[in-house]
Amino acid sequence: MSNITMRELKEDIRTGLKTKELVLSMGPQHPSTHGVLRLVLELDGETVVKCTPYVGYLHRGTEKLCEHRTYLNALPLSDRLDYIVSMANNVGYVLAVERLFGIEAPPRAKYIRTIVSEMARLSGHLLWIATHALDIGAMTVFLYSFREREWLLDLFEHLCGARLTTSYPRIGGVRNDVTEEFLDSLYEFTEEFPRRIEEYETLIDQNRIWLQRTKGIGVISAEEAINWGLTGPVLRGSGVPYDVRKFAPYDAYPWVDFEVPVGKNGDVYDRYKVRMQEMRQSNRIIKQCIERMPKGPVMAPDAPKFTLPPKEKVMSEMESLIHQFVLITKGPIAAPEGEIYSAIEAPKGELGFYIVSDGTGRPYRLRLRSPSFVHASVLPRLCEGHLVADVIANIGTIDIVLGECDR
C-alpha cells in the first residue's frame, strides 16, 4: 500500500461522493398528516427542496349532496366537515340559511349558539394541542388536554344527546333550551379551565426541545399570510388581527367583551401562543354568556314557514305535526331567489357558505370556503428549506382536518 494518511483517505472519499435528491411520499396513511393528506417531498439529505400536497382522498361531495337536500335536511352534512367542531359548522350553516330567508333568531338562542360555538373552539384547540405536542414528542400534554375535552364532550351530550356530530342548532334558533344543570356544570368548567391551561403551558411553554422545534420554524410574514388567504390563528400568528367575530359579528358576539390575540414572528411558536390565548378568551366569552343569558324562546316565532315548531307542540297539536312533516319532507316551499355569502370564525379560520337560491326548497348551488383547504395550500411555503422533522411541526401548526378540506 502507498503511504496515504487516514485524513487524506477520508478527504478522497468525501470529494468523490455524489448526492442525489430523494423523493419521499409522506401520507396519506401517516399518523401526523391529520387525516388523509399526502405530501410528496423532494429531499436533499434531510432538507426539503420541494413539497407538493395532494388532497382529495376523503372527498365525499358534500356540496353536491347539499344541493339535493332541503335546507333543513342538509344540516347534518355540516357536522361532517370539520368533525372535531361540529357545533361551529352547524352554527355557520344555519346563519347562512337565516340570512337567505331573512330570519332573526331570538336573543336567547343567539346566546346559546355563541356558547356552543366557543365550546367547539375549546374542543378543537384542545385536540390540536394534544396532537401537535404528540407529533413533536410531548406525550403528557395529550393526556392532560383530553381530560378537559372529555369534560366538554360530556356537556355536549347533556345538551343534545350527541358528543361529536351534534346537529343541535336549527334554522331560526336551536333544537332545545339549555337546562340550569347544564349551565351550572359549564360555569364550573369555566372556573376551573384557566388553571388547566396553565398546566399545559408549564409542561411545554419554556421546554427547550419545544422551543427548538417551534421557534423560527414555518415563518410567514403578515403580507404573505394575507396574500395566501390565510385566516384564523394561522393569520393572527403573523400579527394580523382579523377575526370574523369582530369584523362581522353574529349571534351574541356584539354583546360580549373579548380580545383578539396576535403573534409577532409568524412562526410555529407564535401560532401556538395565539391558540393558547384564544382558549382563555373563549372561556371568558362563555362565562359572560352564562351570566347575561336572557329569558325567552329559543326558536324564531315569526317565521313559521321556515322553522320547525317546538317539539311539545308537535306531540300535542295536529297543525304543528303537519307543519313539521311538510318542512322535513319538502322543505320551505317559497325560498327567496338570490345569492348570499355568510361566514363565521370557526376554530380553524373563516368558514364561509355561498348559497344560490332558485326559489325552491333546495339550494341551487352551495359552495364552502373551508379554512383547512386554504391552509393546506401554504404547506410548500412553510416546509421548503426546512428539515423533514419540521414538516410535522408545520402540518400541526396549521391545524387542518381533511373532512372540510376535501369536502
Protein backbone atom coordinates (compact mmCIF):
# COMPACT_ATOMS: atom_id res chain seq x y z
CA MET A 1 0.00 0.00 0.00
CA SER A 2 1.05 3.54 -0.60
CA ASN A 3 1.89 5.76 2.33
CA ILE A 4 -1.55 7.56 2.45
CA THR A 5 -2.80 9.07 5.67
CA MET A 6 -6.26 8.44 7.11
CA ARG A 7 -7.06 12.13 6.74
CA GLU A 8 -6.22 12.03 3.04
CA LEU A 9 -8.32 8.87 2.60
CA LYS A 10 -11.33 10.49 4.22
CA GLU A 11 -10.87 13.58 2.04
CA ASP A 12 -10.73 11.47 -1.13
CA ILE A 13 -13.95 9.66 -0.11
CA ARG A 14 -15.72 12.92 0.74
CA THR A 15 -14.85 14.65 -2.53
CA GLY A 16 -15.76 11.58 -4.56
CA LEU A 17 -19.25 11.26 -3.10
CA LYS A 18 -22.18 12.39 -5.18
CA THR A 19 -25.62 13.06 -3.71
CA LYS A 20 -28.96 12.96 -5.45
CA GLU A 21 -32.38 14.16 -4.39
CA LEU A 22 -34.68 11.62 -2.80
CA VAL A 23 -38.43 11.67 -3.47
CA LEU A 24 -40.38 10.67 -0.36
CA SER A 25 -44.15 10.17 -0.10
CA MET A 26 -45.40 11.18 3.35
CA GLY A 27 -49.01 10.01 3.80
CA PRO A 28 -51.84 9.59 3.17
CA GLN A 29 -51.61 6.95 5.91
CA HIS A 30 -49.02 8.80 8.01
CA PRO A 31 -50.40 9.46 11.52
CA SER A 32 -49.03 13.01 11.62
CA THR A 33 -50.79 14.16 8.44
CA HIS A 34 -54.01 14.56 10.46
CA GLY A 35 -56.29 12.59 8.20
CA VAL A 36 -55.54 11.52 4.67
CA LEU A 37 -53.18 14.22 3.42
CA ARG A 38 -50.35 13.15 1.12
CA LEU A 39 -47.16 15.15 0.80
CA VAL A 40 -44.60 14.36 -1.88
CA LEU A 41 -41.28 15.63 -0.57
CA GLU A 42 -38.14 16.11 -2.65
CA LEU A 43 -35.21 15.90 -0.25
CA ASP A 44 -31.56 16.85 -0.35
CA GLY A 45 -30.36 14.87 2.63
CA GLU A 46 -32.89 15.82 5.29
CA THR A 47 -33.66 19.23 3.81
CA VAL A 48 -36.95 19.68 1.96
CA VAL A 49 -36.26 21.07 -1.51
CA LYS A 50 -39.85 20.83 -2.72
CA CYS A 51 -43.15 19.95 -1.04
CA THR A 52 -46.26 19.09 -3.05
CA PRO A 53 -49.52 18.46 -1.14
CA TYR A 54 -52.17 16.13 -2.57
CA VAL A 55 -55.73 16.26 -1.21
CA GLY A 56 -58.97 14.53 -2.19
CA TYR A 57 -58.55 11.11 -0.58
CA LEU A 58 -61.55 11.81 1.68
CA HIS A 59 -63.76 13.54 -0.90
CA ARG A 60 -67.46 12.88 -0.25
CA GLY A 61 -69.15 15.50 -2.42
CA THR A 62 -70.67 17.40 0.50
CA GLU A 63 -71.53 20.47 -1.57
CA LYS A 64 -73.36 18.45 -4.22
CA LEU A 65 -75.13 16.39 -1.56
CA CYS A 66 -76.46 19.62 -0.03
CA GLU A 67 -77.88 20.66 -3.40
CA HIS A 68 -80.03 17.51 -3.46
CA ARG A 69 -81.47 18.04 0.03
CA THR A 70 -83.78 20.57 1.58
CA TYR A 71 -82.29 23.36 3.66
CA LEU A 72 -83.32 21.53 6.82
CA ASN A 73 -82.11 18.09 5.73
CA ALA A 74 -78.69 19.41 4.70
CA LEU A 75 -77.87 20.49 8.25
CA PRO A 76 -76.35 17.13 9.40
CA LEU A 77 -73.93 17.24 6.46
CA SER A 78 -72.23 20.24 8.06
CA ASP A 79 -71.38 18.03 11.05
CA ARG A 80 -69.06 16.02 8.83
CA LEU A 81 -66.94 18.94 7.60
CA ASP A 82 -64.57 19.64 10.47
CA TYR A 83 -65.97 16.79 12.52
CA ILE A 84 -63.93 17.88 15.56
CA VAL A 85 -66.04 21.04 15.96
CA SER A 86 -69.45 20.11 14.57
CA MET A 87 -71.30 22.74 16.62
CA ALA A 88 -69.42 25.58 14.94
CA ASN A 89 -70.17 24.17 11.48
CA ASN A 90 -73.87 23.87 12.36
CA VAL A 91 -73.97 27.49 13.50
CA GLY A 92 -72.26 28.65 10.31
CA TYR A 93 -74.75 26.78 8.14
CA VAL A 94 -77.92 27.93 9.92
CA LEU A 95 -76.69 31.55 9.94
CA ALA A 96 -76.24 31.38 6.16
CA VAL A 97 -79.76 30.00 5.63
CA GLU A 98 -81.22 32.54 8.06
CA ARG A 99 -79.56 35.32 6.08
CA LEU A 100 -81.05 33.92 2.86
CA PHE A 101 -84.57 33.72 4.32
CA GLY A 102 -84.34 36.89 6.40
CA ILE A 103 -84.90 35.07 9.69
CA GLU A 104 -83.79 36.58 13.02
CA ALA A 105 -83.17 34.11 15.84
CA PRO A 106 -84.34 35.09 19.37
CA PRO A 107 -81.74 36.63 21.72
CA ARG A 108 -81.67 33.56 23.99
CA ALA A 109 -80.94 31.32 21.01
CA LYS A 110 -78.12 33.66 19.94
CA TYR A 111 -76.51 33.40 23.37
CA ILE A 112 -76.83 29.61 23.35
CA ARG A 113 -75.31 29.36 19.88
CA THR A 114 -72.44 31.59 20.97
CA ILE A 115 -71.83 29.33 23.95
CA VAL A 116 -71.75 26.13 21.90
CA SER A 117 -69.55 27.80 19.24
CA GLU A 118 -66.97 28.69 21.86
CA MET A 119 -67.25 25.24 23.44
CA ALA A 120 -66.47 23.86 20.00
CA ARG A 121 -63.47 26.21 19.72
CA LEU A 122 -62.15 24.93 23.04
CA SER A 123 -62.74 21.33 21.99
CA GLY A 124 -60.94 21.89 18.68
CA HIS A 125 -57.99 23.71 20.22
CA LEU A 126 -57.63 21.04 22.92
CA LEU A 127 -57.42 18.32 20.30
CA TRP A 128 -54.98 20.49 18.35
CA ILE A 129 -52.55 20.99 21.25
CA ALA A 130 -52.86 17.29 22.14
CA THR A 131 -51.91 16.04 18.66
CA HIS A 132 -49.49 18.87 17.86
CA ALA A 133 -47.49 18.25 21.03
CA LEU A 134 -47.64 14.49 20.50
CA ASP A 135 -46.30 14.88 16.95
CA ILE A 136 -43.35 16.89 18.26
CA GLY A 137 -42.69 14.46 21.10
CA ALA A 138 -44.59 15.67 24.20
CA MET A 139 -46.79 12.82 25.39
CA THR A 140 -48.11 14.21 28.70
CA VAL A 141 -49.89 17.21 27.13
CA PHE A 142 -52.01 14.78 25.11
CA LEU A 143 -53.30 13.13 28.27
CA TYR A 144 -53.89 16.42 30.10
CA SER A 145 -55.82 18.13 27.30
CA PHE A 146 -58.03 15.12 26.62
CA ARG A 147 -59.11 15.28 30.25
CA GLU A 148 -60.73 18.68 29.63
CA ARG A 149 -62.01 17.72 26.19
CA GLU A 150 -63.92 14.80 27.71
CA TRP A 151 -65.50 17.27 30.12
CA LEU A 152 -66.72 19.36 27.18
CA LEU A 153 -67.99 16.33 25.25
CA ASP A 154 -69.95 15.23 28.31
CA LEU A 155 -71.57 18.68 28.36
CA PHE A 156 -72.45 18.38 24.66
CA GLU A 157 -74.02 15.01 25.39
CA HIS A 158 -76.01 16.51 28.26
CA LEU A 159 -77.23 19.31 25.98
CA CYS A 160 -78.29 17.41 22.86
CA GLY A 161 -77.53 13.71 23.35
CA ALA A 162 -74.53 13.67 20.98
CA ARG A 163 -70.83 14.13 21.64
CA LEU A 164 -69.35 14.54 18.17
CA THR A 165 -71.89 15.04 15.35
CA THR A 166 -74.38 17.22 17.17
CA SER A 167 -76.84 18.80 14.67
CA TYR A 168 -78.08 20.93 17.57
CA PRO A 169 -78.59 24.45 16.08
CA ARG A 170 -81.67 24.99 13.93
CA ILE A 171 -82.68 27.50 11.28
CA GLY A 172 -84.20 30.20 13.46
CA GLY A 173 -82.69 29.10 16.78
CA VAL A 174 -81.67 25.87 18.49
CA ARG A 175 -83.29 22.47 18.90
CA ASN A 176 -83.99 22.70 22.62
CA ASP A 177 -83.37 25.07 25.50
CA VAL A 178 -80.47 24.66 27.91
CA THR A 179 -81.11 23.43 31.44
CA GLU A 180 -79.94 25.03 34.66
CA GLU A 181 -77.94 21.89 35.37
CA PHE A 182 -76.08 22.30 32.07
CA LEU A 183 -75.33 25.97 32.75
CA ASP A 184 -74.12 25.20 36.28
CA SER A 185 -71.79 22.45 35.04
CA LEU A 186 -70.47 24.66 32.25
CA TYR A 187 -69.87 27.56 34.64
CA GLU A 188 -67.92 25.21 36.89
CA PHE A 189 -65.81 24.32 33.85
CA THR A 190 -65.09 27.99 33.12
CA GLU A 191 -63.94 28.49 36.70
CA GLU A 192 -61.50 25.59 36.54
CA PHE A 193 -60.27 25.74 32.95
CA PRO A 194 -57.77 28.67 33.24
CA ARG A 195 -55.77 26.64 35.77
CA ARG A 196 -55.74 23.71 33.36
CA ILE A 197 -54.32 25.90 30.57
CA GLU A 198 -51.51 26.90 32.93
CA GLU A 199 -50.74 23.20 33.40
CA TYR A 200 -50.27 22.73 29.65
CA GLU A 201 -48.00 25.77 29.46
CA THR A 202 -45.98 24.63 32.46
CA LEU A 203 -45.18 21.44 30.57
CA ILE A 204 -44.10 22.90 27.22
CA ASP A 205 -44.07 26.71 27.19
CA GLN A 206 -40.35 27.03 28.03
CA ASN A 207 -39.28 23.46 27.34
CA ARG A 208 -36.03 23.68 25.38
CA ILE A 209 -36.97 20.88 22.98
CA TRP A 210 -40.34 22.53 22.31
CA LEU A 211 -38.63 25.87 21.66
CA GLN A 212 -36.09 24.29 19.29
CA ARG A 213 -38.87 22.58 17.33
CA THR A 214 -41.14 25.65 17.07
CA LYS A 215 -39.10 28.89 17.26
CA GLY A 216 -38.18 30.20 13.80
CA ILE A 217 -39.92 27.28 12.03
CA GLY A 218 -42.55 27.87 9.35
CA VAL A 219 -42.21 31.65 9.40
CA ILE A 220 -44.66 33.56 7.22
CA SER A 221 -45.00 37.33 7.19
CA ALA A 222 -48.26 39.23 7.60
CA GLU A 223 -48.24 40.32 3.95
CA GLU A 224 -47.64 36.78 2.71
CA ALA A 225 -50.31 35.38 5.02
CA ILE A 226 -52.87 37.82 3.62
CA ASN A 227 -51.85 37.05 0.03
CA TRP A 228 -52.22 33.32 0.65
CA GLY A 229 -55.74 33.87 2.00
CA LEU A 230 -54.94 32.54 5.46
CA THR A 231 -57.40 33.15 8.28
CA GLY A 232 -57.90 32.23 11.92
CA PRO A 233 -54.95 31.58 14.25
CA VAL A 234 -52.63 30.94 11.28
CA LEU A 235 -53.18 34.52 10.08
CA ARG A 236 -53.26 36.06 13.55
CA GLY A 237 -49.98 34.34 14.40
CA SER A 238 -48.38 36.61 11.78
CA GLY A 239 -49.70 39.73 13.54
CA VAL A 240 -52.91 40.38 11.56
CA PRO A 241 -55.81 40.95 14.00
CA TYR A 242 -58.55 39.75 11.62
CA ASP A 243 -61.42 37.92 13.32
CA VAL A 244 -64.89 37.49 11.81
CA ARG A 245 -66.40 37.77 15.29
CA LYS A 246 -65.08 41.36 15.44
CA PHE A 247 -65.30 42.50 11.80
CA ALA A 248 -68.72 40.95 11.00
CA PRO A 249 -70.17 39.97 14.39
CA TYR A 250 -73.02 37.48 14.56
CA ASP A 251 -75.20 35.89 17.26
CA ALA A 252 -74.21 37.26 20.70
CA TYR A 253 -70.67 38.36 19.85
CA PRO A 254 -71.61 42.08 19.67
CA TRP A 255 -72.75 41.87 23.30
CA VAL A 256 -69.68 40.25 24.88
CA ASP A 257 -66.17 41.54 25.54
CA PHE A 258 -63.12 39.65 24.28
CA GLU A 259 -59.72 40.31 22.78
CA VAL A 260 -58.12 39.00 19.58
CA PRO A 261 -54.66 37.54 20.35
CA VAL A 262 -51.96 38.09 17.73
CA GLY A 263 -48.36 36.99 17.29
CA LYS A 264 -45.27 38.84 16.11
CA ASN A 265 -42.94 36.49 14.25
CA GLY A 266 -45.40 34.28 12.36
CA ASP A 267 -43.66 31.04 13.30
CA VAL A 268 -44.92 27.77 14.79
CA TYR A 269 -44.37 29.06 18.33
CA ASP A 270 -46.40 32.22 17.78
CA ARG A 271 -49.31 30.25 16.35
CA TYR A 272 -49.15 28.02 19.41
CA LYS A 273 -49.28 31.05 21.73
CA VAL A 274 -52.20 32.57 19.80
CA ARG A 275 -54.30 29.43 20.22
CA MET A 276 -53.50 29.15 23.90
CA GLN A 277 -54.66 32.75 24.41
CA GLU A 278 -57.74 32.09 22.28
CA MET A 279 -58.77 29.35 24.69
CA ARG A 280 -58.65 31.86 27.53
CA GLN A 281 -60.78 34.29 25.52
CA SER A 282 -63.30 31.57 24.63
CA ASN A 283 -63.59 30.69 28.29
CA ARG A 284 -64.22 34.37 29.02
CA ILE A 285 -66.95 34.59 26.35
CA ILE A 286 -68.75 31.51 27.67
CA LYS A 287 -68.77 32.87 31.21
CA GLN A 288 -70.21 36.21 30.03
CA CYS A 289 -72.93 34.46 28.01
CA ILE A 290 -73.98 32.38 31.01
CA GLU A 291 -74.13 35.44 33.25
CA ARG A 292 -76.07 37.55 30.71
CA MET A 293 -78.37 34.85 29.31
CA PRO A 294 -81.83 36.39 28.69
CA LYS A 295 -85.15 34.63 29.12
CA GLY A 296 -87.39 33.85 26.18
CA PRO A 297 -87.97 31.40 23.31
CA VAL A 298 -85.18 29.53 21.53
CA MET A 299 -86.86 29.38 18.10
CA ALA A 300 -87.94 32.28 15.90
CA PRO A 301 -91.71 32.64 16.35
CA ASP A 302 -92.22 34.97 13.39
CA ALA A 303 -91.12 32.62 10.62
CA PRO A 304 -93.35 29.53 10.83
CA LYS A 305 -92.88 28.73 7.14
CA PHE A 306 -89.19 28.06 7.59
CA THR A 307 -88.65 26.99 11.22
CA LEU A 308 -89.68 23.79 12.94
CA PRO A 309 -92.35 24.06 15.65
CA PRO A 310 -91.47 23.23 19.27
CA LYS A 311 -91.36 19.52 20.00
CA GLU A 312 -94.03 19.75 22.70
CA LYS A 313 -96.45 21.26 20.17
CA VAL A 314 -95.61 18.60 17.60
CA MET A 315 -96.60 15.94 20.11
CA SER A 316 -99.86 17.67 21.12
CA GLU A 317 -101.18 19.71 18.15
CA MET A 318 -102.17 18.33 14.74
CA GLU A 319 -101.30 21.59 12.94
CA SER A 320 -97.77 21.56 14.33
CA LEU A 321 -97.35 17.89 13.41
CA ILE A 322 -98.40 18.60 9.83
CA HIS A 323 -96.18 21.68 9.72
CA GLN A 324 -93.12 19.66 10.79
CA PHE A 325 -93.93 16.84 8.35
CA VAL A 326 -94.13 19.23 5.39
CA LEU A 327 -90.92 21.06 6.34
CA ILE A 328 -88.95 17.83 6.80
CA THR A 329 -90.19 16.09 3.64
CA LYS A 330 -90.50 19.00 1.21
CA GLY A 331 -88.62 21.85 2.82
CA PRO A 332 -89.59 25.52 2.54
CA ILE A 333 -91.91 25.95 -0.43
CA ALA A 334 -91.04 29.52 -1.41
CA ALA A 335 -87.40 30.26 -0.73
CA PRO A 336 -86.38 33.76 -1.86
CA GLU A 337 -84.36 33.85 -5.06
CA GLY A 338 -80.84 35.26 -4.95
CA GLU A 339 -77.43 34.52 -3.57
CA ILE A 340 -75.69 35.12 -0.25
CA TYR A 341 -72.30 34.56 1.36
CA SER A 342 -72.15 34.14 5.11
CA ALA A 343 -69.04 33.43 7.18
CA ILE A 344 -68.21 32.64 10.79
CA GLU A 345 -64.97 32.48 12.76
CA ALA A 346 -64.60 28.71 13.02
CA PRO A 347 -61.81 27.34 15.27
CA LYS A 348 -59.53 26.87 12.25
CA GLY A 349 -60.37 30.10 10.46
CA GLU A 350 -63.07 31.66 8.29
CA LEU A 351 -65.73 29.11 7.36
CA GLY A 352 -67.94 30.51 4.61
CA PHE A 353 -71.15 29.31 2.95
CA TYR A 354 -72.08 30.60 -0.51
CA ILE A 355 -75.67 29.75 -1.45
CA VAL A 356 -77.51 30.39 -4.72
CA SER A 357 -81.29 30.03 -4.43
CA ASP A 358 -83.67 29.49 -7.36
CA GLY A 359 -86.81 29.81 -5.25
CA THR A 360 -87.25 26.13 -4.42
CA GLY A 361 -86.84 24.33 -1.10
CA ARG A 362 -83.30 23.25 -2.00
CA PRO A 363 -80.16 25.30 -2.70
CA TYR A 364 -79.48 25.55 -6.43
CA ARG A 365 -75.77 25.84 -5.67
CA LEU A 366 -73.88 25.60 -2.39
CA ARG A 367 -70.15 26.10 -2.04
CA LEU A 368 -67.94 26.06 1.03
CA ARG A 369 -64.98 28.23 1.92
CA SER A 370 -63.16 25.87 4.29
CA PRO A 371 -60.05 27.13 6.11
CA SER A 372 -58.29 23.74 6.02
CA PHE A 373 -58.29 23.68 2.21
CA VAL A 374 -56.69 27.13 2.02
CA HIS A 375 -54.18 26.36 4.76
CA ALA A 376 -53.10 23.06 3.17
CA SER A 377 -52.00 25.04 0.11
CA VAL A 378 -49.47 27.03 2.15
CA LEU A 379 -47.53 23.94 3.28
CA PRO A 380 -44.93 24.21 0.45
CA ARG A 381 -44.20 27.79 1.54
CA LEU A 382 -43.76 26.71 5.17
CA CYS A 383 -41.79 23.49 4.60
CA GLU A 384 -39.33 24.18 1.79
CA GLY A 385 -35.86 24.83 3.15
CA HIS A 386 -36.60 23.15 6.48
CA LEU A 387 -35.87 19.62 7.67
CA VAL A 388 -38.19 16.62 7.37
CA ALA A 389 -38.88 16.78 11.10
CA ASP A 390 -40.08 20.37 10.66
CA VAL A 391 -42.70 19.20 8.14
CA ILE A 392 -44.52 17.51 11.02
CA ALA A 393 -44.45 20.72 13.08
CA ASN A 394 -45.74 22.72 10.11
CA ILE A 395 -48.65 20.35 9.50
CA GLY A 396 -49.63 20.63 13.15
CA THR A 397 -49.33 24.40 13.25
CA ILE A 398 -51.93 24.97 10.51
CA ASP A 399 -54.35 22.60 12.28
CA ILE A 400 -56.08 21.03 9.28
CA VAL A 401 -58.85 18.44 9.23
CA LEU A 402 -59.32 16.72 5.89
CA GLY A 403 -63.07 16.40 6.36
CA GLU A 404 -63.55 20.08 5.48
CA CYS A 405 -60.50 20.22 3.21
CA ASP A 406 -61.75 17.57 0.77
CA ARG A 407 -65.48 18.20 1.42
